Amino acid sequence: MSLVTSAILAAGSLGHIARILGIVILVAGGVALTTAGRSFRRAGMSLDELVDAARRVEEGDYTTRVAEPITRRGPLRELVRGFNSMAGRLEADEEQRRRLLADVSHELRTPLAVIQGNIEAILDGVHEADDAHLGAILDETHVLARLVDDLRTVALSEGGNLPLHREPTDLAILAAESVASFQATAETAGVGLDVHVDDDIPLLDIDPVRIREVLSNLVANALRHTPNGGSIRVTATSAAGGESVEIVVRDTGTGIDPALLPHVFDRFAKAANSRGSGLGLAIARGLVEAHGGSIEVESTVGTGTVFRLRLPVRAAAN
């Protein structure tokens, strides 16, 4: 075979290969365009759905969700996930708002009914405007005022706007004073009440009024649920290598219903026979967390309850 003939054959082979490659490129390009067209169509459908869903959310339908696109990754998928997450939070906030309004209305109803009933009875001449009946009205106004103050404290703490007036505080003195205010009540109820704070605990950078409110709330709760012959003990020890302090309020009372236990720090969560507003522990959690601390509870029915809270020794730097 001559060199010319070999060159002609080689050229023919290369031309054949070039034609095949051209066909492959055209087919691949067509497939890519078709896939891109489908993707754009799917994206267009998802964007249309997002616009429609946003309109429904704007109108107050927070249950609206958008189906995620089939593609595994991409900004559109992240956008849809972000929208669904936002709608979920709005729905939860709306449900919480409705529950709060219902709970507040329920709590206000009783003192308002007592006030209204007593005033109408006095105006109708059924009751005398004496100390007993006027005192009952005054007591209910105190209940209302306390409820309003508690709601304000909860709102400020949950919004991160609760003002704290920090100062170096001796926890031993603070705990002793908090417990002493309940000593007479405990003796009358036949309940032992004592406090112990380790000597090595340094001064805490806290708002003493607010932390005393927390301790008073926990001790008052313990007294309400500890029968004659029981005991309540408040202790404080160093924790986390001296970076924080652990305060424990332990009682030998009736314990907390297991169904209620996971919700004790929720607003208006309380046992059926409770006389309180159900805001005390929600406030306690808010005050502790405002100090950068934490609070938790353990309880066994018939054995008792343990509230355990931790506070940093020093305030976190801003």
C-alpha atoms as a PDB file:
ATOM      1  CA  MET A   1       0.000   0.000   0.000  1.00  0.00           C
ATOM      2  CA  SER A   2       1.420   3.355  -1.014  1.00  0.00           C
ATOM      3  CA  LEU A   3       1.810   6.250   1.391  1.00  0.00           C
ATOM      4  CA  VAL A   4      -0.799   8.174  -0.596  1.00  0.00           C
ATOM      5  CA  THR A   5      -3.332   5.379  -0.254  1.00  0.00           C
ATOM      6  CA  SER A   6      -2.647   5.104   3.500  1.00  0.00           C
ATOM      7  CA  ALA A   7      -3.109   8.811   3.925  1.00  0.00           C
ATOM      8  CA  ILE A   8      -6.433   8.715   2.047  1.00  0.00           C
ATOM      9  CA  LEU A   9      -7.686   5.851   4.247  1.00  0.00           C
ATOM     10  CA  ALA A  10      -6.553   7.636   7.414  1.00  0.00           C
ATOM     11  CA  ALA A  11      -8.269  10.807   6.313  1.00  0.00           C
ATOM     12  CA  GLY A  12     -11.448   8.857   5.655  1.00  0.00           C
ATOM     13  CA  SER A  13     -11.314   7.301   9.130  1.00  0.00           C
ATOM     14  CA  LEU A  14     -10.743  10.646  10.768  1.00  0.00           C
ATOM     15  CA  GLY A  15     -13.645  12.161   8.855  1.00  0.00           C
ATOM     16  CA  HIS A  16     -15.864   9.288   9.979  1.00  0.00           C
ATOM     17  CA  ILE A  17     -14.792   9.750  13.566  1.00  0.00           C
ATOM     18  CA  ALA A  18     -15.370  13.492  13.275  1.00  0.00           C
ATOM     19  CA  ARG A  19     -18.888  12.906  11.976  1.00  0.00           C
ATOM     20  CA  ILE A  20     -19.622  10.513  14.872  1.00  0.00           C
ATOM     21  CA  LEU A  21     -18.281  13.014  17.400  1.00  0.00           C
ATOM     22  CA  GLY A  22     -20.401  15.727  15.826  1.00  0.00           C
ATOM     23  CA  ILE A  23     -23.517  13.574  16.134  1.00  0.00           C
ATOM     24  CA  VAL A  24     -22.682  12.765  19.784  1.00  0.00           C
ATOM     25  CA  ILE A  25     -22.185  16.447  20.580  1.00  0.00           C
ATOM     26  CA  LEU A  26     -25.476  17.362  18.920  1.00  0.00           C
ATOM     27  CA  VAL A  27     -27.329  14.627  20.823  1.00  0.00           C
ATOM     28  CA  ALA A  28     -25.701  15.625  24.112  1.00  0.00           C
ATOM     29  CA  GLY A  29     -26.538  19.254  23.460  1.00  0.00           C
ATOM     30  CA  GLY A  30     -30.117  18.378  22.704  1.00  0.00           C
ATOM     31  CA  VAL A  31     -30.411  16.343  25.911  1.00  0.00           C
ATOM     32  CA  ALA A  32     -28.835  19.185  27.912  1.00  0.00           C
ATOM     33  CA  LEU A  33     -31.235  21.722  26.443  1.00  0.00           C
ATOM     34  CA  THR A  34     -34.190  19.430  27.105  1.00  0.00           C
ATOM     35  CA  THR A  35     -33.066  18.874  30.722  1.00  0.00           C
ATOM     36  CA  ALA A  36     -32.445  22.590  31.191  1.00  0.00           C
ATOM     37  CA  GLY A  37     -35.880  23.338  29.770  1.00  0.00           C
ATOM     38  CA  ARG A  38     -37.473  20.914  32.208  1.00  0.00           C
ATOM     39  CA  SER A  39     -35.454  22.418  35.077  1.00  0.00           C
ATOM     40  CA  PHE A  40     -36.528  25.926  34.110  1.00  0.00           C
ATOM     41  CA  ARG A  41     -40.125  24.757  33.869  1.00  0.00           C
ATOM     42  CA  ARG A  42     -39.882  23.119  37.288  1.00  0.00           C
ATOM     43  CA  ALA A  43     -38.203  26.231  38.688  1.00  0.00           C
ATOM     44  CA  GLY A  44     -40.907  28.375  37.181  1.00  0.00           C
ATOM     45  CA  MET A  45     -43.585  26.209  38.760  1.00  0.00           C
ATOM     46  CA  SER A  46     -41.834  26.382  42.168  1.00  0.00           C
ATOM     47  CA  LEU A  47     -41.426  30.152  41.958  1.00  0.00           C
ATOM     48  CA  ASP A  48     -45.087  30.501  41.043  1.00  0.00           C
ATOM     49  CA  GLU A  49     -45.973  28.321  44.022  1.00  0.00           C
ATOM     50  CA  LEU A  50     -43.737  30.419  46.283  1.00  0.00           C
ATOM     51  CA  VAL A  51     -45.370  33.644  45.143  1.00  0.00           C
ATOM     52  CA  ASP A  52     -48.831  32.165  45.693  1.00  0.00           C
ATOM     53  CA  ALA A  53     -47.831  30.762  49.100  1.00  0.00           C
ATOM     54  CA  ALA A  54     -46.350  34.100  50.166  1.00  0.00           C
ATOM     55  CA  ARG A  55     -49.629  35.767  49.265  1.00  0.00           C
ATOM     56  CA  ARG A  56     -51.544  33.270  51.445  1.00  0.00           C
ATOM     57  CA  VAL A  57     -49.172  33.820  54.370  1.00  0.00           C
ATOM     58  CA  GLU A  58     -49.622  37.588  53.984  1.00  0.00           C
ATOM     59  CA  GLU A  59     -53.372  36.993  54.289  1.00  0.00           C
ATOM     60  CA  GLY A  60     -52.863  35.084  57.563  1.00  0.00           C
ATOM     61  CA  ASP A  61     -52.769  31.438  56.423  1.00  0.00           C
ATOM     62  CA  TYR A  62     -49.659  30.260  58.273  1.00  0.00           C
ATOM     63  CA  THR A  63     -50.335  26.588  57.490  1.00  0.00           C
ATOM     64  CA  THR A  64     -49.165  27.195  53.896  1.00  0.00           C
ATOM     65  CA  ARG A  65     -46.242  25.078  52.708  1.00  0.00           C
ATOM     66  CA  VAL A  66     -44.499  24.654  49.322  1.00  0.00           C
ATOM     67  CA  ALA A  67     -43.405  21.254  48.002  1.00  0.00           C
ATOM     68  CA  GLU A  68     -39.635  21.041  47.650  1.00  0.00           C
ATOM     69  CA  PRO A  69     -38.299  20.732  44.073  1.00  0.00           C
ATOM     70  CA  ILE A  70     -37.016  17.348  42.934  1.00  0.00           C
ATOM     71  CA  THR A  71     -33.450  18.556  42.468  1.00  0.00           C
ATOM     72  CA  ARG A  72     -31.121  17.551  45.282  1.00  0.00           C
ATOM     73  CA  ARG A  73     -29.330  20.850  45.616  1.00  0.00           C
ATOM     74  CA  GLY A  74     -29.561  24.408  44.487  1.00  0.00           C
ATOM     75  CA  PRO A  75     -30.688  27.844  45.628  1.00  0.00           C
ATOM     76  CA  LEU A  76     -34.318  27.162  44.728  1.00  0.00           C
ATOM     77  CA  ARG A  77     -34.490  24.169  47.061  1.00  0.00           C
ATOM     78  CA  GLU A  78     -32.891  26.200  49.863  1.00  0.00           C
ATOM     79  CA  LEU A  79     -35.337  29.035  49.214  1.00  0.00           C
ATOM     80  CA  VAL A  80     -38.302  26.670  49.492  1.00  0.00           C
ATOM     81  CA  ARG A  81     -36.933  25.144  52.700  1.00  0.00           C
ATOM     82  CA  GLY A  82     -36.377  28.597  54.161  1.00  0.00           C
ATOM     83  CA  PHE A  83     -39.920  29.649  53.270  1.00  0.00           C
ATOM     84  CA  ASN A  84     -41.430  26.514  54.843  1.00  0.00           C
ATOM     85  CA  SER A  85     -39.331  27.015  57.978  1.00  0.00           C
ATOM     86  CA  MET A  86     -40.479  30.640  58.222  1.00  0.00           C
ATOM     87  CA  ALA A  87     -44.113  29.643  57.765  1.00  0.00           C
ATOM     88  CA  GLY A  88     -43.728  26.983  60.454  1.00  0.00           C
ATOM     89  CA  ARG A  89     -42.387  29.509  62.950  1.00  0.00           C
ATOM     90  CA  LEU A  90     -45.167  31.948  62.137  1.00  0.00           C
ATOM     91  CA  GLU A  91     -47.740  29.197  62.652  1.00  0.00           C
ATOM     92  CA  ALA A  92     -46.203  28.255  66.014  1.00  0.00           C
ATOM     93  CA  ASP A  93     -46.091  31.908  67.118  1.00  0.00           C
ATOM     94  CA  GLU A  94     -49.717  32.408  66.129  1.00  0.00           C
ATOM     95  CA  GLU A  95     -50.788  29.310  68.057  1.00  0.00           C
ATOM     96  CA  GLN A  96     -48.815  30.491  71.088  1.00  0.00           C
ATOM     97  CA  ARG A  97     -50.440  33.929  70.844  1.00  0.00           C
ATOM     98  CA  ARG A  98     -53.912  32.397  70.774  1.00  0.00           C
ATOM     99  CA  ARG A  99     -53.166  30.173  73.760  1.00  0.00           C
ATOM    100  CA  LEU A 100     -51.760  33.136  75.660  1.00  0.00           C
ATOM    101  CA  LEU A 101     -54.860  35.239  75.015  1.00  0.00           C
ATOM    102  CA  ALA A 102     -57.099  32.358  76.095  1.00  0.00           C
ATOM    103  CA  ASP A 103     -55.056  31.750  79.250  1.00  0.00           C
ATOM    104  CA  VAL A 104     -54.905  35.433  80.183  1.00  0.00           C
ATOM    105  CA  SER A 105     -58.655  35.767  79.669  1.00  0.00           C
ATOM    106  CA  HIS A 106     -59.229  32.753  81.900  1.00  0.00           C
ATOM    107  CA  GLU A 107     -56.970  34.080  84.661  1.00  0.00           C
ATOM    108  CA  LEU A 108     -58.566  37.536  84.576  1.00  0.00           C
ATOM    109  CA  ARG A 109     -62.102  36.208  84.694  1.00  0.00           C
ATOM    110  CA  THR A 110     -62.107  35.077  88.354  1.00  0.00           C
ATOM    111  CA  PRO A 111     -60.812  38.244  90.073  1.00  0.00           C
ATOM    112  CA  LEU A 112     -62.930  40.447  87.808  1.00  0.00           C
ATOM    113  CA  ALA A 113     -66.026  38.386  88.637  1.00  0.00           C
ATOM    114  CA  VAL A 114     -65.349  38.737  92.373  1.00  0.00           C
ATOM    115  CA  ILE A 115     -64.810  42.494  92.080  1.00  0.00           C
ATOM    116  CA  GLN A 116     -67.905  42.984  89.951  1.00  0.00           C
ATOM    117  CA  GLY A 117     -70.066  40.806  92.202  1.00  0.00           C
ATOM    118  CA  ASN A 118     -69.043  42.592  95.378  1.00  0.00           C
ATOM    119  CA  ILE A 119     -69.482  46.064  93.915  1.00  0.00           C
ATOM    120  CA  GLU A 120     -72.930  45.209  92.521  1.00  0.00           C
ATOM    121  CA  ALA A 121     -73.944  43.731  95.868  1.00  0.00           C
ATOM    122  CA  ILE A 122     -72.861  46.914  97.662  1.00  0.00           C
ATOM    123  CA  LEU A 123     -74.656  49.130  95.154  1.00  0.00           C
ATOM    124  CA  ASP A 124     -77.836  47.015  95.448  1.00  0.00           C
ATOM    125  CA  GLY A 125     -77.732  47.222  99.220  1.00  0.00           C
ATOM    126  CA  VAL A 126     -77.166  43.484  99.650  1.00  0.00           C
ATOM    127  CA  HIS A 127     -73.779  44.072 101.304  1.00  0.00           C
ATOM    128  CA  GLU A 128     -72.609  46.903 103.462  1.00  0.00           C
ATOM    129  CA  ALA A 129     -69.635  48.933 102.259  1.00  0.00           C
ATOM    130  CA  ASP A 130     -67.712  47.652 105.287  1.00  0.00           C
ATOM    131  CA  ASP A 131     -64.105  46.566 105.735  1.00  0.00           C
ATOM    132  CA  ALA A 132     -64.853  42.913 105.024  1.00  0.00           C
ATOM    133  CA  HIS A 133     -66.438  43.431 101.601  1.00  0.00           C
ATOM    134  CA  LEU A 134     -64.184  46.292 100.550  1.00  0.00           C
ATOM    135  CA  GLY A 135     -61.209  44.225 101.696  1.00  0.00           C
ATOM    136  CA  ALA A 136     -62.294  41.366  99.415  1.00  0.00           C
ATOM    137  CA  ILE A 137     -62.403  43.772  96.471  1.00  0.00           C
ATOM    138  CA  LEU A 138     -58.963  45.141  97.372  1.00  0.00           C
ATOM    139  CA  ASP A 139     -57.515  41.618  97.591  1.00  0.00           C
ATOM    140  CA  GLU A 140     -58.714  40.839  94.067  1.00  0.00           C
ATOM    141  CA  THR A 141     -57.199  44.055  92.721  1.00  0.00           C
ATOM    142  CA  HIS A 142     -53.908  42.853  94.196  1.00  0.00           C
ATOM    143  CA  VAL A 143     -54.337  39.587  92.308  1.00  0.00           C
ATOM    144  CA  LEU A 144     -54.920  41.502  89.091  1.00  0.00           C
ATOM    145  CA  ALA A 145     -51.916  43.738  89.680  1.00  0.00           C
ATOM    146  CA  ARG A 146     -49.683  40.740  90.351  1.00  0.00           C
ATOM    147  CA  LEU A 147     -50.917  39.000  87.211  1.00  0.00           C
ATOM    148  CA  VAL A 148     -50.180  42.087  85.106  1.00  0.00           C
ATOM    149  CA  ASP A 149     -46.687  42.391  86.635  1.00  0.00           C
ATOM    150  CA  ASP A 150     -46.010  38.688  86.021  1.00  0.00           C
ATOM    151  CA  LEU A 151     -47.129  38.922  82.405  1.00  0.00           C
ATOM    152  CA  ARG A 152     -44.893  41.920  81.869  1.00  0.00           C
ATOM    153  CA  THR A 153     -41.903  40.102  83.386  1.00  0.00           C
ATOM    154  CA  VAL A 154     -42.505  37.045  81.198  1.00  0.00           C
ATOM    155  CA  ALA A 155     -42.844  39.179  78.081  1.00  0.00           C
ATOM    156  CA  LEU A 156     -39.645  41.114  78.812  1.00  0.00           C
ATOM    157  CA  SER A 157     -37.611  38.003  79.640  1.00  0.00           C
ATOM    158  CA  GLU A 158     -38.800  36.087  76.585  1.00  0.00           C
ATOM    159  CA  GLY A 159     -38.022  39.082  74.396  1.00  0.00           C
ATOM    160  CA  GLY A 160     -34.548  39.437  75.880  1.00  0.00           C
ATOM    161  CA  ASN A 161     -35.372  42.923  77.179  1.00  0.00           C
ATOM    162  CA  LEU A 162     -35.564  42.279  80.917  1.00  0.00           C
ATOM    163  CA  PRO A 163     -33.435  44.899  82.703  1.00  0.00           C
ATOM    164  CA  LEU A 164     -31.049  43.489  85.313  1.00  0.00           C
ATOM    165  CA  HIS A 165     -29.434  45.582  88.037  1.00  0.00           C
ATOM    166  CA  ARG A 166     -26.330  43.544  88.692  1.00  0.00           C
ATOM    167  CA  GLU A 167     -24.111  44.007  91.702  1.00  0.00           C
ATOM    168  CA  PRO A 168     -21.614  41.863  93.653  1.00  0.00           C
ATOM    169  CA  THR A 169     -23.821  39.660  95.829  1.00  0.00           C
ATOM    170  CA  ASP A 170     -23.097  37.298  98.711  1.00  0.00           C
ATOM    171  CA  LEU A 171     -25.193  34.238  97.871  1.00  0.00           C
ATOM    172  CA  ALA A 172     -25.070  32.937 101.460  1.00  0.00           C
ATOM    173  CA  ILE A 173     -26.779  36.090 102.751  1.00  0.00           C
ATOM    174  CA  LEU A 174     -29.258  36.191  99.853  1.00  0.00           C
ATOM    175  CA  ALA A 175     -30.271  32.529 100.267  1.00  0.00           C
ATOM    176  CA  ALA A 176     -30.557  32.846 104.059  1.00  0.00           C
ATOM    177  CA  GLU A 177     -32.821  35.883 103.770  1.00  0.00           C
ATOM    178  CA  SER A 178     -34.971  34.202 101.119  1.00  0.00           C
ATOM    179  CA  VAL A 179     -35.490  31.114 103.258  1.00  0.00           C
ATOM    180  CA  ALA A 180     -36.008  33.101 106.497  1.00  0.00           C
ATOM    181  CA  SER A 181     -39.066  34.815 105.037  1.00  0.00           C
ATOM    182  CA  PHE A 182     -40.791  31.397 104.858  1.00  0.00           C
ATOM    183  CA  GLN A 183     -39.597  30.033 108.202  1.00  0.00           C
ATOM    184  CA  ALA A 184     -42.766  30.901 110.151  1.00  0.00           C
ATOM    185  CA  THR A 185     -45.015  29.398 107.458  1.00  0.00           C
ATOM    186  CA  ALA A 186     -42.913  26.229 107.378  1.00  0.00           C
ATOM    187  CA  GLU A 187     -43.082  25.841 111.174  1.00  0.00           C
ATOM    188  CA  THR A 188     -46.858  26.255 111.110  1.00  0.00           C
ATOM    189  CA  ALA A 189     -47.115  23.597 108.396  1.00  0.00           C
ATOM    190  CA  GLY A 190     -44.794  21.242 110.262  1.00  0.00           C
ATOM    191  CA  VAL A 191     -42.207  21.290 107.467  1.00  0.00           C
ATOM    192  CA  GLY A 192     -38.468  21.444 108.068  1.00  0.00           C
ATOM    193  CA  LEU A 193     -36.732  24.237 106.145  1.00  0.00           C
ATOM    194  CA  ASP A 194     -32.988  24.882 106.075  1.00  0.00           C
ATOM    195  CA  VAL A 195     -30.288  26.330 103.840  1.00  0.00           C
ATOM    196  CA  HIS A 196     -26.585  25.630 103.320  1.00  0.00           C
ATOM    197  CA  VAL A 197     -24.181  27.552 101.071  1.00  0.00           C
ATOM    198  CA  ASP A 198     -20.554  26.438 100.702  1.00  0.00           C
ATOM    199  CA  ASP A 199     -17.976  28.841 102.110  1.00  0.00           C
ATOM    200  CA  ASP A 200     -15.845  28.866  98.945  1.00  0.00           C
ATOM    201  CA  ILE A 201     -18.491  30.502  96.744  1.00  0.00           C
ATOM    202  CA  PRO A 202     -17.313  33.969  95.637  1.00  0.00           C
ATOM    203  CA  LEU A 203     -19.454  37.040  95.196  1.00  0.00           C
ATOM    204  CA  LEU A 204     -21.852  36.647  92.268  1.00  0.00           C
ATOM    205  CA  ASP A 205     -22.427  39.350  89.643  1.00  0.00           C
ATOM    206  CA  ILE A 206     -26.235  39.117  89.682  1.00  0.00           C
ATOM    207  CA  ASP A 207     -29.401  41.091  90.236  1.00  0.00           C
ATOM    208  CA  PRO A 208     -30.114  40.135  93.884  1.00  0.00           C
ATOM    209  CA  VAL A 209     -33.764  41.172  93.728  1.00  0.00           C
ATOM    210  CA  ARG A 210     -34.442  38.957  90.727  1.00  0.00           C
ATOM    211  CA  ILE A 211     -32.560  35.919  92.055  1.00  0.00           C
ATOM    212  CA  ARG A 212     -34.297  36.275  95.411  1.00  0.00           C
ATOM    213  CA  GLU A 213     -37.567  36.228  93.457  1.00  0.00           C
ATOM    214  CA  VAL A 214     -36.513  32.926  91.863  1.00  0.00           C
ATOM    215  CA  LEU A 215     -35.570  31.336  95.197  1.00  0.00           C
ATOM    216  CA  SER A 216     -38.734  32.590  96.873  1.00  0.00           C
ATOM    217  CA  ASN A 217     -40.847  31.145  94.075  1.00  0.00           C
ATOM    218  CA  LEU A 218     -39.183  27.723  94.341  1.00  0.00           C
ATOM    219  CA  VAL A 219     -39.435  27.597  98.143  1.00  0.00           C
ATOM    220  CA  ALA A 220     -43.081  28.750  98.081  1.00  0.00           C
ATOM    221  CA  ASN A 221     -43.917  26.018  95.551  1.00  0.00           C
ATOM    222  CA  ALA A 222     -42.159  23.436  97.689  1.00  0.00           C
ATOM    223  CA  LEU A 223     -44.086  24.527 100.791  1.00  0.00           C
ATOM    224  CA  ARG A 224     -47.414  24.215  98.982  1.00  0.00           C
ATOM    225  CA  HIS A 225     -46.701  20.624  98.027  1.00  0.00           C
ATOM    226  CA  THR A 226     -44.823  19.302 101.059  1.00  0.00           C
ATOM    227  CA  PRO A 227     -47.012  17.710 103.761  1.00  0.00           C
ATOM    228  CA  ASN A 228     -46.597  17.858 107.533  1.00  0.00           C
ATOM    229  CA  GLY A 229     -43.404  16.088 108.581  1.00  0.00           C
ATOM    230  CA  GLY A 230     -41.652  16.742 105.264  1.00  0.00           C
ATOM    231  CA  SER A 231     -38.585  18.840 104.620  1.00  0.00           C
ATOM    232  CA  ILE A 232     -37.206  21.430 102.204  1.00  0.00           C
ATOM    233  CA  ARG A 233     -33.502  22.048 101.787  1.00  0.00           C
ATOM    234  CA  VAL A 234     -31.736  24.776  99.795  1.00  0.00           C
ATOM    235  CA  THR A 235     -28.063  24.201  99.003  1.00  0.00           C
ATOM    236  CA  ALA A 236     -25.463  25.992  96.895  1.00  0.00           C
ATOM    237  CA  THR A 237     -22.113  24.632  95.696  1.00  0.00           C
ATOM    238  CA  SER A 238     -19.418  25.639  93.236  1.00  0.00           C
ATOM    239  CA  ALA A 239     -19.581  24.062  89.775  1.00  0.00           C
ATOM    240  CA  ALA A 240     -17.657  24.050  86.491  1.00  0.00           C
ATOM    241  CA  GLY A 241     -14.341  24.647  88.216  1.00  0.00           C
ATOM    242  CA  GLY A 242     -15.610  27.685  90.069  1.00  0.00           C
ATOM    243  CA  GLU A 243     -17.001  29.371  86.944  1.00  0.00           C
ATOM    244  CA  SER A 244     -20.600  28.870  88.067  1.00  0.00           C
ATOM    245  CA  VAL A 245     -22.709  28.078  91.106  1.00  0.00           C
ATOM    246  CA  GLU A 246     -25.300  25.321  91.385  1.00  0.00           C
ATOM    247  CA  ILE A 247     -28.304  26.035  93.617  1.00  0.00           C
ATOM    248  CA  VAL A 248     -30.589  23.140  94.504  1.00  0.00           C
ATOM    249  CA  VAL A 249     -34.044  23.343  96.089  1.00  0.00           C
ATOM    250  CA  ARG A 250     -35.061  19.857  97.199  1.00  0.00           C
ATOM    251  CA  ASP A 251     -38.320  18.851  98.885  1.00  0.00           C
ATOM    252  CA  THR A 252     -39.934  15.629 100.082  1.00  0.00           C
ATOM    253  CA  GLY A 253     -43.367  16.623  98.825  1.00  0.00           C
ATOM    254  CA  THR A 254     -45.992  14.999  96.653  1.00  0.00           C
ATOM    255  CA  GLY A 255     -44.020  15.423  93.426  1.00  0.00           C
ATOM    256  CA  ILE A 256     -45.147  16.607  90.001  1.00  0.00           C
ATOM    257  CA  ASP A 257     -47.519  14.721  87.728  1.00  0.00           C
ATOM    258  CA  PRO A 258     -45.408  13.057  84.976  1.00  0.00           C
ATOM    259  CA  ALA A 259     -47.790  14.490  82.348  1.00  0.00           C
ATOM    260  CA  LEU A 260     -47.151  18.024  83.653  1.00  0.00           C
ATOM    261  CA  LEU A 261     -43.419  17.651  84.316  1.00  0.00           C
ATOM    262  CA  PRO A 262     -42.183  18.429  80.751  1.00  0.00           C
ATOM    263  CA  HIS A 263     -44.292  21.633  80.739  1.00  0.00           C
ATOM    264  CA  VAL A 264     -43.718  23.066  84.229  1.00  0.00           C
ATOM    265  CA  PHE A 265     -41.730  26.022  82.855  1.00  0.00           C
ATOM    266  CA  ASP A 266     -44.388  26.880  80.263  1.00  0.00           C
ATOM    267  CA  ARG A 267     -46.661  29.870  80.806  1.00  0.00           C
ATOM    268  CA  PHE A 268     -49.886  29.010  82.691  1.00  0.00           C
ATOM    269  CA  ALA A 269     -48.851  25.362  83.105  1.00  0.00           C
ATOM    270  CA  LYS A 270     -50.167  24.153  86.453  1.00  0.00           C
ATOM    271  CA  ALA A 271     -51.893  21.262  88.173  1.00  0.00           C
ATOM    272  CA  ALA A 272     -55.694  21.157  88.188  1.00  0.00           C
ATOM    273  CA  ASN A 273     -55.843  21.931  91.918  1.00  0.00           C
ATOM    274  CA  SER A 274     -53.233  24.708  91.842  1.00  0.00           C
ATOM    275  CA  ARG A 275     -54.242  28.115  93.173  1.00  0.00           C
ATOM    276  CA  GLY A 276     -51.499  30.039  91.385  1.00  0.00           C
ATOM    277  CA  SER A 277     -51.501  31.675  87.969  1.00  0.00           C
ATOM    278  CA  GLY A 278     -49.080  29.190  86.454  1.00  0.00           C
ATOM    279  CA  LEU A 279     -46.576  31.947  85.672  1.00  0.00           C
ATOM    280  CA  GLY A 280     -44.162  31.515  88.583  1.00  0.00           C
ATOM    281  CA  LEU A 281     -41.885  28.891  87.048  1.00  0.00           C
ATOM    282  CA  ALA A 282     -42.003  30.545  83.629  1.00  0.00           C
ATOM    283  CA  ILE A 283     -40.765  33.727  85.315  1.00  0.00           C
ATOM    284  CA  ALA A 284     -38.103  31.789  87.245  1.00  0.00           C
ATOM    285  CA  ARG A 285     -36.748  30.294  84.027  1.00  0.00           C
ATOM    286  CA  GLY A 286     -36.767  33.696  82.318  1.00  0.00           C
ATOM    287  CA  LEU A 287     -34.891  35.347  85.179  1.00  0.00           C
ATOM    288  CA  VAL A 288     -32.273  32.600  85.392  1.00  0.00           C
ATOM    289  CA  GLU A 289     -31.701  32.574  81.633  1.00  0.00           C
ATOM    290  CA  ALA A 290     -31.452  36.375  81.608  1.00  0.00           C
ATOM    291  CA  HIS A 291     -28.448  35.911  83.926  1.00  0.00           C
ATOM    292  CA  GLY A 292     -26.914  33.449  81.462  1.00  0.00           C
ATOM    293  CA  GLY A 293     -27.844  30.471  83.623  1.00  0.00           C
ATOM    294  CA  SER A 294     -30.080  27.418  83.352  1.00  0.00           C
ATOM    295  CA  ILE A 295     -32.756  25.686  85.419  1.00  0.00           C
ATOM    296  CA  GLU A 296     -34.089  22.134  85.339  1.00  0.00           C
ATOM    297  CA  VAL A 297     -36.351  19.930  87.413  1.00  0.00           C
ATOM    298  CA  GLU A 298     -36.533  16.313  88.507  1.00  0.00           C
ATOM    299  CA  SER A 299     -39.561  14.894  90.263  1.00  0.00           C
ATOM    300  CA  THR A 300     -41.094  11.602  91.350  1.00  0.00           C
ATOM    301  CA  VAL A 301     -44.692  11.378  92.506  1.00  0.00           C
ATOM    302  CA  GLY A 302     -44.809  10.594  96.221  1.00  0.00           C
ATOM    303  CA  THR A 303     -41.082  11.161  96.707  1.00  0.00           C
ATOM    304  CA  GLY A 304     -40.411  14.824  96.030  1.00  0.00           C
ATOM    305  CA  THR A 305     -39.045  17.385  93.615  1.00  0.00           C
ATOM    306  CA  VAL A 306     -35.607  18.821  92.920  1.00  0.00           C
ATOM    307  CA  PHE A 307     -35.073  22.134  91.149  1.00  0.00           C
ATOM    308  CA  ARG A 308     -31.500  22.637  90.035  1.00  0.00           C
ATOM    309  CA  LEU A 309     -30.302  25.978  88.699  1.00  0.00           C
ATOM    310  CA  ARG A 310     -26.878  27.186  87.617  1.00  0.00           C
ATOM    311  CA  LEU A 311     -25.666  30.763  87.574  1.00  0.00           C
ATOM    312  CA  PRO A 312     -22.356  32.066  86.223  1.00  0.00           C
ATOM    313  CA  VAL A 313     -20.144  33.674  88.829  1.00  0.00           C
ATOM    314  CA  ARG A 314     -19.434  36.592  86.493  1.00  0.00           C
ATOM    315  CA  ALA A 315     -21.640  38.208  83.884  1.00  0.00           C
ATOM    316  CA  ALA A 316     -20.782  37.377  80.280  1.00  0.00           C
ATOM    317  CA  ALA A 317     -18.924  40.118  78.444  1.00  0.00           C
ATOM    318  CA  ASN A 318     -21.088  42.091  76.006  1.00  0.00           C
END
